[in-house]
PDB file of N, CA and C in Angstrom:
ATOM      1  N   UNK A   1     -75.792 -14.964 -22.219  1.00  0.00           N
ATOM      2  CA  UNK A   1     -75.623 -14.082 -22.930  1.00  0.00           C
ATOM      3  C   UNK A   1     -77.356 -13.265 -23.360  1.00  0.00           C
ATOM      4  N   UNK A   2     -77.971 -14.301 -23.485  1.00  0.00           N
ATOM      5  CA  UNK A   2     -79.409 -13.944 -24.106  1.00  0.00           C
ATOM      6  C   UNK A   2     -80.173 -12.883 -22.840  1.00  0.00           C
ATOM      7  N   UNK A   3     -79.998 -13.422 -21.481  1.00  0.00           N
ATOM      8  CA  UNK A   3     -80.240 -13.055 -20.272  1.00  0.00           C
ATOM      9  C   UNK A   3     -79.765 -11.794 -20.363  1.00  0.00           C
ATOM     10  N   UNK A   4     -78.631 -11.237 -20.648  1.00  0.00           N
ATOM     11  CA  UNK A   4     -78.119  -9.757 -20.541  1.00  0.00           C
ATOM     12  C   UNK A   4     -78.634  -9.274 -21.465  1.00  0.00           C
ATOM     13  N   UNK A   5     -79.111  -9.619 -22.731  1.00  0.00           N
ATOM     14  CA  UNK A   5     -79.685  -8.816 -23.722  1.00  0.00           C
ATOM     15  C   UNK A   5     -81.107  -8.616 -23.401  1.00  0.00           C
ATOM     16  N   UNK A   6     -81.832  -9.562 -22.743  1.00  0.00           N
ATOM     17  CA  UNK A   6     -83.251  -9.245 -22.086  1.00  0.00           C
ATOM     18  C   UNK A   6     -83.152  -8.242 -21.065  1.00  0.00           C
ATOM     19  N   UNK A   7     -82.100  -8.327 -20.041  1.00  0.00           N
ATOM     20  CA  UNK A   7     -82.089  -6.988 -18.992  1.00  0.00           C
ATOM     21  C   UNK A   7     -81.916  -5.749 -19.676  1.00  0.00           C
ATOM     22  N   UNK A   8     -80.704  -5.654 -20.670  1.00  0.00           N
ATOM     23  CA  UNK A   8     -80.461  -4.317 -21.337  1.00  0.00           C
ATOM     24  C   UNK A   8     -81.935  -3.737 -21.988  1.00  0.00           C
ATOM     25  N   UNK A   9     -82.652  -4.683 -22.643  1.00  0.00           N
ATOM     26  CA  UNK A   9     -83.694  -4.353 -23.286  1.00  0.00           C
ATOM     27  C   UNK A   9     -84.453  -3.764 -22.080  1.00  0.00           C
ATOM     28  N   UNK A  10     -85.182  -4.291 -20.941  1.00  0.00           N
ATOM     29  CA  UNK A  10     -85.712  -3.892 -20.084  1.00  0.00           C
ATOM     30  C   UNK A  10     -85.319  -2.481 -19.651  1.00  0.00           C
ATOM     31  N   UNK A  11     -83.993  -2.592 -19.346  1.00  0.00           N
ATOM     32  CA  UNK A  11     -83.552  -1.190 -18.941  1.00  0.00           C
ATOM     33  C   UNK A  11     -83.823   0.043 -19.717  1.00  0.00           C
ATOM     34  N   UNK A  12     -83.580  -0.339 -20.974  1.00  0.00           N
ATOM     35  CA  UNK A  12     -83.959   0.757 -21.983  1.00  0.00           C
ATOM     36  C   UNK A  12     -85.336   1.133 -22.196  1.00  0.00           C
ATOM     37  N   UNK A  13     -86.224   0.059 -21.981  1.00  0.00           N
ATOM     38  CA  UNK A  13     -87.737   0.500 -22.290  1.00  0.00           C
ATOM     39  C   UNK A  13     -87.918   0.945 -21.011  1.00  0.00           C
ATOM     40  N   UNK A  14     -87.341   0.820 -19.647  1.00  0.00           N
ATOM     41  CA  UNK A  14     -87.590   1.466 -18.287  1.00  0.00           C
ATOM     42  C   UNK A  14     -87.351   2.950 -18.671  1.00  0.00           C
ATOM     43  N   UNK A  15     -86.228   3.062 -19.246  1.00  0.00           N
ATOM     44  CA  UNK A  15     -85.677   4.530 -19.439  1.00  0.00           C
ATOM     45  C   UNK A  15     -86.597   5.217 -19.961  1.00  0.00           C
ATOM     46  N   UNK A  16     -87.103   4.754 -21.362  1.00  0.00           N
ATOM     47  CA  UNK A  16     -88.353   5.661 -22.063  1.00  0.00           C
ATOM     48  C   UNK A  16     -89.364   5.897 -21.222  1.00  0.00           C
ATOM     49  N   UNK A  17     -89.994   5.014 -20.655  1.00  0.00           N
ATOM     50  CA  UNK A  17     -91.172   4.883 -19.880  1.00  0.00           C
ATOM     51  C   UNK A  17     -91.115   5.754 -18.688  1.00  0.00           C
ATOM     52  N   UNK A  18     -90.159   6.204 -18.002  1.00  0.00           N
ATOM     53  CA  UNK A  18     -90.036   6.852 -16.988  1.00  0.00           C
ATOM     54  C   UNK A  18     -89.361   8.173 -17.294  1.00  0.00           C
ATOM     55  N   UNK A  19     -89.195   8.195 -18.456  1.00  0.00           N
ATOM     56  CA  UNK A  19     -87.977   9.710 -18.742  1.00  0.00           C
ATOM     57  C   UNK A  19     -88.789  10.796 -18.116  1.00  0.00           C
ATOM     58  N   UNK A  20     -90.016  10.927 -18.422  1.00  0.00           N
ATOM     59  CA  UNK A  20     -90.405  12.358 -18.035  1.00  0.00           C
ATOM     60  C   UNK A  20     -90.650  12.514 -16.587  1.00  0.00           C
ATOM     61  N   UNK A  21     -90.826  11.488 -15.835  1.00  0.00           N
ATOM     62  CA  UNK A  21     -91.012  11.357 -14.154  1.00  0.00           C
ATOM     63  C   UNK A  21     -89.421  11.703 -13.556  1.00  0.00           C
ATOM     64  N   UNK A  22     -88.594  10.540 -14.171  1.00  0.00           N
ATOM     65  CA  UNK A  22     -87.239  10.598 -13.878  1.00  0.00           C
ATOM     66  C   UNK A  22     -86.181  11.915 -14.162  1.00  0.00           C
ATOM     67  N   UNK A  23     -86.765  12.441 -15.107  1.00  0.00           N
ATOM     68  CA  UNK A  23     -86.055  13.673 -15.917  1.00  0.00           C
ATOM     69  C   UNK A  23     -86.802  15.095 -15.628  1.00  0.00           C
ATOM     70  N   UNK A  24     -87.349  14.924 -14.431  1.00  0.00           N
ATOM     71  CA  UNK A  24     -88.160  16.019 -14.193  1.00  0.00           C
ATOM     72  C   UNK A  24     -87.112  16.928 -13.731  1.00  0.00           C
ATOM     73  N   UNK A  25     -87.641  18.397 -13.618  1.00  0.00           N
ATOM     74  CA  UNK A  25     -86.518  19.189 -12.595  1.00  0.00           C
ATOM     75  C   UNK A  25     -85.442  19.563 -13.572  1.00  0.00           C
ATOM     76  N   UNK A  26     -85.383  19.397 -14.897  1.00  0.00           N
ATOM     77  CA  UNK A  26     -84.416  20.005 -16.047  1.00  0.00           C
ATOM     78  C   UNK A  26     -83.356  19.106 -15.928  1.00  0.00           C
ATOM     79  N   UNK A  27     -83.383  17.828 -15.489  1.00  0.00           N
ATOM     80  CA  UNK A  27     -82.013  16.960 -15.502  1.00  0.00           C
ATOM     81  C   UNK A  27     -82.169  16.725 -17.287  1.00  0.00           C
ATOM     82  N   UNK A  28     -83.123  16.330 -18.049  1.00  0.00           N
ATOM     83  CA  UNK A  28     -82.779  15.788 -19.391  1.00  0.00           C
ATOM     84  C   UNK A  28     -82.236  17.171 -19.945  1.00  0.00           C
ATOM     85  N   UNK A  29     -82.846  18.289 -19.973  1.00  0.00           N
ATOM     86  CA  UNK A  29     -82.307  19.510 -20.425  1.00  0.00           C
ATOM     87  C   UNK A  29     -80.612  19.865 -20.345  1.00  0.00           C
ATOM     88  N   UNK A  30     -80.607  19.565 -18.924  1.00  0.00           N
ATOM     89  CA  UNK A  30     -78.958  19.821 -18.255  1.00  0.00           C
ATOM     90  C   UNK A  30     -78.214  18.945 -19.086  1.00  0.00           C
ATOM     91  N   UNK A  31     -78.336  17.479 -19.133  1.00  0.00           N
ATOM     92  CA  UNK A  31     -77.543  16.525 -19.768  1.00  0.00           C
ATOM     93  C   UNK A  31     -77.170  16.826 -21.365  1.00  0.00           C
ATOM     94  N   UNK A  32     -78.244  17.028 -21.895  1.00  0.00           N
ATOM     95  CA  UNK A  32     -78.707  17.550 -23.363  1.00  0.00           C
ATOM     96  C   UNK A  32     -77.584  18.555 -23.645  1.00  0.00           C
ATOM     97  N   UNK A  33     -77.764  19.673 -22.551  1.00  0.00           N
ATOM     98  CA  UNK A  33     -76.635  20.831 -22.972  1.00  0.00           C
ATOM     99  C   UNK A  33     -75.009  20.469 -22.851  1.00  0.00           C
ATOM    100  N   UNK A  34     -74.792  19.412 -22.200  1.00  0.00           N
ATOM    101  CA  UNK A  34     -73.399  19.266 -21.719  1.00  0.00           C
ATOM    102  C   UNK A  34     -72.934  18.072 -22.873  1.00  0.00           C
ATOM    103  N   UNK A  35     -73.780  17.549 -23.486  1.00  0.00           N
ATOM    104  CA  UNK A  35     -73.298  16.644 -24.716  1.00  0.00           C
ATOM    105  C   UNK A  35     -72.117  17.065 -25.403  1.00  0.00           C
ATOM    106  N   UNK A  36     -72.191  18.096 -25.992  1.00  0.00           N
ATOM    107  CA  UNK A  36     -70.892  18.622 -26.565  1.00  0.00           C
ATOM    108  C   UNK A  36     -69.511  18.665 -25.871  1.00  0.00           C
ATOM    109  N   UNK A  37     -69.714  19.379 -24.607  1.00  0.00           N
ATOM    110  CA  UNK A  37     -68.772  19.513 -23.623  1.00  0.00           C
ATOM    111  C   UNK A  37     -67.966  18.228 -23.429  1.00  0.00           C
ATOM    112  N   UNK A  38     -68.914  17.438 -22.819  1.00  0.00           N
ATOM    113  CA  UNK A  38     -68.667  15.738 -22.820  1.00  0.00           C
ATOM    114  C   UNK A  38     -67.707  15.107 -23.872  1.00  0.00           C
ATOM    115  N   UNK A  39     -68.505  15.246 -24.998  1.00  0.00           N
ATOM    116  CA  UNK A  39     -67.744  14.810 -26.292  1.00  0.00           C
ATOM    117  C   UNK A  39     -66.451  15.126 -26.546  1.00  0.00           C
ATOM    118  N   UNK A  40     -66.452  16.345 -26.259  1.00  0.00           N
ATOM    119  CA  UNK A  40     -65.068  17.213 -26.403  1.00  0.00           C
ATOM    120  C   UNK A  40     -63.937  16.331 -25.619  1.00  0.00           C
ATOM    121  N   UNK A  41     -64.240  16.421 -24.349  1.00  0.00           N
ATOM    122  CA  UNK A  41     -63.314  15.795 -23.212  1.00  0.00           C
ATOM    123  C   UNK A  41     -63.131  14.388 -23.390  1.00  0.00           C
ATOM    124  N   UNK A  42     -64.271  13.653 -24.021  1.00  0.00           N
ATOM    125  CA  UNK A  42     -63.959  12.220 -24.289  1.00  0.00           C
ATOM    126  C   UNK A  42     -62.940  12.164 -25.575  1.00  0.00           C
ATOM    127  N   UNK A  43     -63.166  12.956 -26.484  1.00  0.00           N
ATOM    128  CA  UNK A  43     -62.410  12.732 -27.814  1.00  0.00           C
ATOM    129  C   UNK A  43     -61.019  13.393 -27.362  1.00  0.00           C
ATOM    130  N   UNK A  44     -60.712  14.229 -26.460  1.00  0.00           N
ATOM    131  CA  UNK A  44     -59.227  14.655 -25.907  1.00  0.00           C
ATOM    132  C   UNK A  44     -58.870  13.555 -25.186  1.00  0.00           C
ATOM    133  N   UNK A  45     -59.541  12.594 -24.747  1.00  0.00           N
ATOM    134  CA  UNK A  45     -58.929  11.452 -23.514  1.00  0.00           C
ATOM    135  C   UNK A  45     -59.062  11.740 -22.208  1.00  0.00           C
ATOM    136  N   UNK A  46     -59.567  12.967 -22.130  1.00  0.00           N
ATOM    137  CA  UNK A  46     -59.585  13.565 -20.531  1.00  0.00           C
ATOM    138  C   UNK A  46     -60.632  12.720 -19.803  1.00  0.00           C
ATOM    139  N   UNK A  47     -61.680  12.117 -20.414  1.00  0.00           N
ATOM    140  CA  UNK A  47     -62.638  11.453 -19.564  1.00  0.00           C
ATOM    141  C   UNK A  47     -62.904  10.259 -20.416  1.00  0.00           C
ATOM    142  N   UNK A  48     -63.244   9.147 -19.542  1.00  0.00           N
ATOM    143  CA  UNK A  48     -63.909   7.947 -20.141  1.00  0.00           C
ATOM    144  C   UNK A  48     -65.104   7.548 -19.401  1.00  0.00           C
ATOM    145  N   UNK A  49     -65.498   6.665 -19.995  1.00  0.00           N
ATOM    146  CA  UNK A  49     -66.955   5.871 -19.380  1.00  0.00           C
ATOM    147  C   UNK A  49     -66.610   4.623 -18.489  1.00  0.00           C
ATOM    148  N   UNK A  50     -66.923   4.631 -17.165  1.00  0.00           N
ATOM    149  CA  UNK A  50     -66.472   3.450 -16.349  1.00  0.00           C
ATOM    150  C   UNK A  50     -67.517   2.453 -16.627  1.00  0.00           C
ATOM    151  N   UNK A  51     -67.264   1.533 -15.676  1.00  0.00           N
ATOM    152  CA  UNK A  51     -67.927   0.413 -15.785  1.00  0.00           C
ATOM    153  C   UNK A  51     -69.678   0.421 -15.134  1.00  0.00           C
ATOM    154  N   UNK A  52     -69.424   1.679 -14.285  1.00  0.00           N
ATOM    155  CA  UNK A  52     -70.634   2.032 -13.247  1.00  0.00           C
ATOM    156  C   UNK A  52     -71.663   2.705 -14.176  1.00  0.00           C
ATOM    157  N   UNK A  53     -71.178   3.181 -15.313  1.00  0.00           N
ATOM    158  CA  UNK A  53     -72.015   4.284 -16.197  1.00  0.00           C
ATOM    159  C   UNK A  53     -71.973   5.688 -15.846  1.00  0.00           C
ATOM    160  N   UNK A  54     -70.742   6.040 -14.972  1.00  0.00           N
ATOM    161  CA  UNK A  54     -70.319   7.352 -14.980  1.00  0.00           C
ATOM    162  C   UNK A  54     -69.091   7.808 -15.882  1.00  0.00           C
ATOM    163  N   UNK A  55     -69.012   9.036 -15.785  1.00  0.00           N
ATOM    164  CA  UNK A  55     -67.653   9.612 -16.420  1.00  0.00           C
ATOM    165  C   UNK A  55     -66.272   9.598 -15.406  1.00  0.00           C
ATOM    166  N   UNK A  56     -65.360   9.204 -15.985  1.00  0.00           N
ATOM    167  CA  UNK A  56     -64.138   9.331 -14.835  1.00  0.00           C
ATOM    168  C   UNK A  56     -62.947   9.928 -15.540  1.00  0.00           C
ATOM    169  N   UNK A  57     -62.253  10.833 -14.852  1.00  0.00           N
ATOM    170  CA  UNK A  57     -61.147  11.489 -15.696  1.00  0.00           C
ATOM    171  C   UNK A  57     -60.031  10.413 -15.771  1.00  0.00           C
ATOM    172  N   UNK A  58     -59.453  10.455 -16.916  1.00  0.00           N
ATOM    173  CA  UNK A  58     -58.514   9.407 -17.596  1.00  0.00           C
ATOM    174  C   UNK A  58     -57.105  10.438 -17.813  1.00  0.00           C
ATOM    175  N   UNK A  59     -57.332  11.921 -17.616  1.00  0.00           N
ATOM    176  CA  UNK A  59     -56.076  12.633 -17.963  1.00  0.00           C
ATOM    177  C   UNK A  59     -56.352  13.975 -16.800  1.00  0.00           C
ATOM    178  N   UNK A  60     -55.925  14.941 -17.235  1.00  0.00           N
ATOM    179  CA  UNK A  60     -55.761  16.155 -16.154  1.00  0.00           C
ATOM    180  C   UNK A  60     -57.255  16.663 -16.042  1.00  0.00           C
ATOM    181  N   UNK A  61     -57.767  16.855 -14.948  1.00  0.00           N
ATOM    182  CA  UNK A  61     -59.127  17.272 -14.267  1.00  0.00           C
ATOM    183  C   UNK A  61     -59.534  18.356 -14.690  1.00  0.00           C
ATOM    184  N   UNK A  62     -59.794  18.919 -16.320  1.00  0.00           N
ATOM    185  CA  UNK A  62     -60.163  20.038 -16.519  1.00  0.00           C
ATOM    186  C   UNK A  62     -61.679  20.249 -16.634  1.00  0.00           C
ATOM    187  N   UNK A  63     -62.254  21.052 -16.456  1.00  0.00           N
ATOM    188  CA  UNK A  63     -63.617  21.119 -16.783  1.00  0.00           C
ATOM    189  C   UNK A  63     -64.481  20.267 -15.476  1.00  0.00           C
ATOM    190  N   UNK A  64     -63.880  19.895 -14.453  1.00  0.00           N
ATOM    191  CA  UNK A  64     -64.161  19.130 -13.462  1.00  0.00           C
ATOM    192  C   UNK A  64     -66.059  19.210 -13.094  1.00  0.00           C
ATOM    193  N   UNK A  65     -66.119  20.369 -13.113  1.00  0.00           N
ATOM    194  CA  UNK A  65     -67.684  20.865 -12.847  1.00  0.00           C
ATOM    195  C   UNK A  65     -68.598  20.384 -13.942  1.00  0.00           C
ATOM    196  N   UNK A  66     -68.311  19.869 -15.040  1.00  0.00           N
ATOM    197  CA  UNK A  66     -69.293  19.461 -16.269  1.00  0.00           C
ATOM    198  C   UNK A  66     -69.502  17.995 -15.979  1.00  0.00           C
ATOM    199  N   UNK A  67     -68.035  17.431 -15.462  1.00  0.00           N
ATOM    200  CA  UNK A  67     -68.136  16.030 -15.124  1.00  0.00           C
ATOM    201  C   UNK A  67     -69.021  15.460 -14.090  1.00  0.00           C
ATOM    202  N   UNK A  68     -68.783  16.339 -12.940  1.00  0.00           N
ATOM    203  CA  UNK A  68     -69.544  16.120 -11.666  1.00  0.00           C
ATOM    204  C   UNK A  68     -70.929  16.417 -11.923  1.00  0.00           C
ATOM    205  N   UNK A  69     -71.508  17.493 -12.551  1.00  0.00           N
ATOM    206  CA  UNK A  69     -72.686  17.809 -12.838  1.00  0.00           C
ATOM    207  C   UNK A  69     -73.283  16.426 -13.543  1.00  0.00           C
ATOM    208  N   UNK A  70     -72.691  16.083 -14.827  1.00  0.00           N
ATOM    209  CA  UNK A  70     -73.187  14.863 -15.414  1.00  0.00           C
ATOM    210  C   UNK A  70     -73.294  13.726 -14.596  1.00  0.00           C
ATOM    211  N   UNK A  71     -72.400  13.407 -13.601  1.00  0.00           N
ATOM    212  CA  UNK A  71     -72.486  12.136 -12.901  1.00  0.00           C
ATOM    213  C   UNK A  71     -73.660  12.136 -11.918  1.00  0.00           C
ATOM    214  N   UNK A  72     -73.817  13.522 -11.407  1.00  0.00           N
ATOM    215  CA  UNK A  72     -74.789  13.674 -10.416  1.00  0.00           C
ATOM    216  C   UNK A  72     -76.240  13.274 -11.135  1.00  0.00           C
ATOM    217  N   UNK A  73     -76.371  14.078 -12.380  1.00  0.00           N
ATOM    218  CA  UNK A  73     -77.891  13.881 -12.857  1.00  0.00           C
ATOM    219  C   UNK A  73     -77.828  12.559 -13.285  1.00  0.00           C
ATOM    220  N   UNK A  74     -76.864  11.833 -13.890  1.00  0.00           N
ATOM    221  CA  UNK A  74     -76.929  10.213 -14.153  1.00  0.00           C
ATOM    222  C   UNK A  74     -77.281   9.677 -12.791  1.00  0.00           C
ATOM    223  N   UNK A  75     -76.890   9.986 -11.983  1.00  0.00           N
ATOM    224  CA  UNK A  75     -77.051   9.063 -10.451  1.00  0.00           C
ATOM    225  C   UNK A  75     -78.409   9.147 -10.169  1.00  0.00           C
ATOM    226  N   UNK A  76     -79.001  10.434 -10.217  1.00  0.00           N
ATOM    227  CA  UNK A  76     -80.558  10.689  -9.819  1.00  0.00           C
ATOM    228  C   UNK A  76     -81.223   9.993 -10.906  1.00  0.00           C
ATOM    229  N   UNK A  77     -80.834   9.789 -12.079  1.00  0.00           N
ATOM    230  CA  UNK A  77     -81.512   9.090 -13.231  1.00  0.00           C
ATOM    231  C   UNK A  77     -81.541   7.586 -13.022  1.00  0.00           C
ATOM    232  N   UNK A  78     -80.591   7.109 -12.635  1.00  0.00           N
ATOM    233  CA  UNK A  78     -80.190   5.623 -11.873  1.00  0.00           C
ATOM    234  C   UNK A  78     -81.140   5.279 -10.869  1.00  0.00           C
ATOM    235  N   UNK A  79     -81.212   6.254  -9.716  1.00  0.00           N
ATOM    236  CA  UNK A  79     -81.994   6.198  -8.827  1.00  0.00           C
ATOM    237  C   UNK A  79     -83.454   5.740  -9.106  1.00  0.00           C
ATOM    238  N   UNK A  80     -84.036   6.772  -9.997  1.00  0.00           N
ATOM    239  CA  UNK A  80     -85.277   6.974 -10.414  1.00  0.00           C
ATOM    240  C   UNK A  80     -85.776   5.767 -10.911  1.00  0.00           C
ATOM    241  N   UNK A  81     -84.704   5.314 -12.086  1.00  0.00           N
ATOM    242  CA  UNK A  81     -85.070   3.827 -12.974  1.00  0.00           C
ATOM    243  C   UNK A  81     -85.180   2.788 -11.638  1.00  0.00           C
ATOM    244  N   UNK A  82     -84.430   2.838 -10.998  1.00  0.00           N
ATOM    245  CA  UNK A  82     -84.107   1.583 -10.062  1.00  0.00           C
ATOM    246  C   UNK A  82     -85.552   1.483  -9.060  1.00  0.00           C
ATOM    247  N   UNK A  83     -85.729   2.971  -8.621  1.00  0.00           N
ATOM    248  CA  UNK A  83     -86.916   2.622  -7.826  1.00  0.00           C
ATOM    249  C   UNK A  83     -88.549   2.260  -8.642  1.00  0.00           C
ATOM    250  N   UNK A  84     -88.369   2.672  -9.928  1.00  0.00           N
ATOM    251  CA  UNK A  84     -89.616   2.429 -10.863  1.00  0.00           C
ATOM    252  C   UNK A  84     -89.558   0.811 -11.226  1.00  0.00           C
ATOM    253  N   UNK A  85     -88.166   0.072 -11.314  1.00  0.00           N
ATOM    254  CA  UNK A  85     -88.373  -0.776 -12.006  1.00  0.00           C
ATOM    255  C   UNK A  85     -88.100  -2.148 -10.454  1.00  0.00           C
ATOM    256  N   UNK A  86     -87.708  -1.706  -9.270  1.00  0.00           N
ATOM    257  CA  UNK A  86     -87.355  -2.563  -8.295  1.00  0.00           C
ATOM    258  C   UNK A  86     -86.136  -3.300  -8.311  1.00  0.00           C
ATOM    259  N   UNK A  87     -85.027  -2.290  -8.791  1.00  0.00           N
ATOM    260  CA  UNK A  87     -83.716  -3.079  -8.779  1.00  0.00           C
ATOM    261  C   UNK A  87     -82.847  -1.903  -8.099  1.00  0.00           C
ATOM    262  N   UNK A  88     -81.754  -2.029  -8.306  1.00  0.00           N
ATOM    263  CA  UNK A  88     -80.971  -1.115  -7.537  1.00  0.00           C
ATOM    264  C   UNK A  88     -79.987  -0.141  -8.620  1.00  0.00           C
ATOM    265  N   UNK A  89     -79.682   1.317  -8.204  1.00  0.00           N
ATOM    266  CA  UNK A  89     -79.089   2.113  -9.257  1.00  0.00           C
ATOM    267  C   UNK A  89     -78.018   1.774  -9.580  1.00  0.00           C
ATOM    268  N   UNK A  90     -77.033   0.820  -8.435  1.00  0.00           N
ATOM    269  CA  UNK A  90     -75.648   0.262  -9.152  1.00  0.00           C
ATOM    270  C   UNK A  90     -76.076  -0.710 -10.467  1.00  0.00           C
ATOM    271  N   UNK A  91     -77.169  -1.485 -10.560  1.00  0.00           N
ATOM    272  CA  UNK A  91     -77.692  -2.377 -11.545  1.00  0.00           C
ATOM    273  C   UNK A  91     -77.719  -1.780 -12.743  1.00  0.00           C
ATOM    274  N   UNK A  92     -78.731  -0.657 -12.608  1.00  0.00           N
ATOM    275  CA  UNK A  92     -79.080   0.506 -13.578  1.00  0.00           C
ATOM    276  C   UNK A  92     -77.944   1.000 -14.318  1.00  0.00           C
ATOM    277  N   UNK A  93     -76.637   1.447 -13.437  1.00  0.00           N
ATOM    278  CA  UNK A  93     -75.528   2.193 -14.036  1.00  0.00           C
ATOM    279  C   UNK A  93     -74.933   1.261 -14.495  1.00  0.00           C
ATOM    280  N   UNK A  94     -74.810  -0.158 -14.070  1.00  0.00           N
ATOM    281  CA  UNK A  94     -73.946  -0.889 -14.853  1.00  0.00           C
ATOM    282  C   UNK A  94     -74.397  -1.423 -16.151  1.00  0.00           C
ATOM    283  N   UNK A  95     -75.950  -1.580 -16.397  1.00  0.00           N
ATOM    284  CA  UNK A  95     -76.665  -1.734 -17.653  1.00  0.00           C
ATOM    285  C   UNK A  95     -76.391  -0.433 -18.486  1.00  0.00           C
ATOM    286  N   UNK A  96     -76.525   0.397 -17.988  1.00  0.00           N
ATOM    287  CA  UNK A  96     -76.289   1.725 -18.922  1.00  0.00           C
ATOM    288  C   UNK A  96     -74.794   1.900 -19.545  1.00  0.00           C
ATOM    289  N   UNK A  97     -73.910   1.494 -18.608  1.00  0.00           N
ATOM    290  CA  UNK A  97     -72.348   1.303 -19.050  1.00  0.00           C
ATOM    291  C   UNK A  97     -72.143   0.361 -20.405  1.00  0.00           C
ATOM    292  N   UNK A  98     -72.907  -0.581 -20.462  1.00  0.00           N
ATOM    293  CA  UNK A  98     -72.962  -1.321 -21.439  1.00  0.00           C
ATOM    294  C   UNK A  98     -73.340  -0.787 -22.361  1.00  0.00           C
ATOM    295  N   UNK A  99     -74.545  -0.106 -22.439  1.00  0.00           N
ATOM    296  CA  UNK A  99     -75.374   0.282 -23.548  1.00  0.00           C
ATOM    297  C   UNK A  99     -74.225   1.583 -23.983  1.00  0.00           C
ATOM    298  N   UNK A 100     -73.325   2.473 -23.250  1.00  0.00           N
ATOM    299  CA  UNK A 100     -72.597   3.540 -23.698  1.00  0.00           C
ATOM    300  C   UNK A 100     -71.621   2.865 -24.345  1.00  0.00           C
ATOM    301  N   UNK A 101     -70.888   1.631 -23.914  1.00  0.00           N
ATOM    302  CA  UNK A 101     -69.797   1.419 -24.744  1.00  0.00           C
ATOM    303  C   UNK A 101     -70.118   0.831 -25.893  1.00  0.00           C
ATOM    304  N   UNK A 102     -71.230   0.346 -26.030  1.00  0.00           N
ATOM    305  CA  UNK A 102     -71.663  -0.268 -27.523  1.00  0.00           C
ATOM    306  C   UNK A 102     -71.939   0.713 -28.346  1.00  0.00           C
ATOM    307  N   UNK A 103     -72.391   2.038 -27.992  1.00  0.00           N
ATOM    308  CA  UNK A 103     -72.572   3.087 -28.800  1.00  0.00           C
ATOM    309  C   UNK A 103     -71.779   4.099 -28.942  1.00  0.00           C
ATOM    310  N   UNK A 104     -70.480   3.904 -28.291  1.00  0.00           N
ATOM    311  CA  UNK A 104     -69.427   4.762 -28.130  1.00  0.00           C
ATOM    312  C   UNK A 104     -68.337   4.919 -29.329  1.00  0.00           C
ATOM    313  N   UNK A 105     -68.062   6.062 -29.839  1.00  0.00           N
ATOM    314  CA  UNK A 105     -67.104   6.100 -30.859  1.00  0.00           C
ATOM    315  C   UNK A 105     -65.882   5.469 -30.589  1.00  0.00           C
ATOM    316  N   UNK A 106     -65.315   5.047 -32.046  1.00  0.00           N
ATOM    317  CA  UNK A 106     -63.720   4.900 -31.539  1.00  0.00           C
ATOM    318  C   UNK A 106     -63.152   5.843 -31.090  1.00  0.00           C
ATOM    319  N   UNK A 107     -61.817   5.588 -30.112  1.00  0.00           N
ATOM    320  CA  UNK A 107     -61.152   6.260 -29.315  1.00  0.00           C
ATOM    321  C   UNK A 107     -61.507   6.539 -28.058  1.00  0.00           C
ATOM    322  N   UNK A 108     -63.034   6.088 -27.743  1.00  0.00           N
ATOM    323  CA  UNK A 108     -63.338   6.623 -26.354  1.00  0.00           C
ATOM    324  C   UNK A 108     -62.751   5.737 -25.434  1.00  0.00           C
ATOM    325  N   UNK A 109     -62.252   6.073 -24.233  1.00  0.00           N
ATOM    326  CA  UNK A 109     -61.883   5.327 -23.152  1.00  0.00           C
ATOM    327  C   UNK A 109     -63.325   4.558 -22.339  1.00  0.00           C
ATOM    328  N   UNK A 110     -62.887   3.362 -22.470  1.00  0.00           N
ATOM    329  CA  UNK A 110     -64.283   2.761 -21.539  1.00  0.00           C
ATOM    330  C   UNK A 110     -63.528   1.780 -20.301  1.00  0.00           C
ATOM    331  N   UNK A 111     -64.335   1.200 -19.680  1.00  0.00           N
ATOM    332  CA  UNK A 111     -63.791   0.558 -18.379  1.00  0.00           C
ATOM    333  C   UNK A 111     -64.736  -0.566 -18.639  1.00  0.00           C
ATOM    334  N   UNK A 112     -63.851  -1.832 -18.525  1.00  0.00           N
ATOM    335  CA  UNK A 112     -64.456  -3.225 -18.661  1.00  0.00           C
ATOM    336  C   UNK A 112     -65.082  -3.723 -17.221  1.00  0.00           C
ATOM    337  N   UNK A 113     -65.853  -4.450 -17.303  1.00  0.00           N
ATOM    338  CA  UNK A 113     -66.201  -5.297 -16.026  1.00  0.00           C
ATOM    339  C   UNK A 113     -65.274  -5.647 -14.913  1.00  0.00           C
ATOM    340  N   UNK A 114     -63.944  -5.729 -15.211  1.00  0.00           N
ATOM    341  CA  UNK A 114     -63.319  -6.168 -14.340  1.00  0.00           C
ATOM    342  C   UNK A 114     -62.519  -4.769 -13.812  1.00  0.00           C
ATOM    343  N   UNK A 115     -62.586  -3.632 -14.342  1.00  0.00           N
ATOM    344  CA  UNK A 115     -62.093  -2.307 -13.981  1.00  0.00           C
ATOM    345  C   UNK A 115     -60.947  -1.905 -14.781  1.00  0.00           C
ATOM    346  N   UNK A 116     -60.493  -2.784 -15.660  1.00  0.00           N
ATOM    347  CA  UNK A 116     -59.265  -2.426 -16.948  1.00  0.00           C
ATOM    348  C   UNK A 116     -59.807  -1.343 -17.839  1.00  0.00           C
ATOM    349  N   UNK A 117     -59.130  -0.223 -18.120  1.00  0.00           N
ATOM    350  CA  UNK A 117     -59.240   0.709 -18.892  1.00  0.00           C
ATOM    351  C   UNK A 117     -58.879   0.304 -20.332  1.00  0.00           C
ATOM    352  N   UNK A 118     -60.003   0.642 -21.181  1.00  0.00           N
ATOM    353  CA  UNK A 118     -59.122   0.405 -22.835  1.00  0.00           C
ATOM    354  C   UNK A 118     -60.004   1.580 -23.551  1.00  0.00           C
ATOM    355  N   UNK A 119     -58.998   1.814 -24.824  1.00  0.00           N
ATOM    356  CA  UNK A 119     -59.644   2.559 -25.889  1.00  0.00           C
ATOM    357  C   UNK A 119     -60.253   1.563 -27.169  1.00  0.00           C
ATOM    358  N   UNK A 120     -61.908   2.199 -27.418  1.00  0.00           N
ATOM    359  CA  UNK A 120     -62.439   1.297 -28.246  1.00  0.00           C
ATOM    360  C   UNK A 120     -61.927   1.522 -29.411  1.00  0.00           C
TER     361      UNK A 120
END
C-alpha cells in the first residue's frame, strides 16, 4: 500500500513537471473547456471513469464527440508522461484513474481494478 502511494505521488509530480511540455498544443485548454460538459455527463450517469483513466459511456451515447475528444487528449498526456518517466501510458492511466476515483464526487460511476462498475 505504501508503494502505491509513492507511485501515485511520483505520477502526480511528473504531471506537474511536464505539464507545459505534455500539454502543448492546447490540450490543457481543451480539457479545461470540456470540464463543465463532462461533469454534467457524469452527474447524469451518462459516463463514468474507467480503471484505465478514461471516460466510458454508462448510458446513452449523447455528446460522444466530447467524450472522444477528452479521451484522445488524456491519451496524449498519458503517453507524454510515460515517455518522460520511463514507464507505460497504461500504467500512467491506471494511476490517474486512482486519483480520479479518490477525487470524484458522490454519485460518479467508477470502475474498479477488476472491471466492476460502481457508484461512489
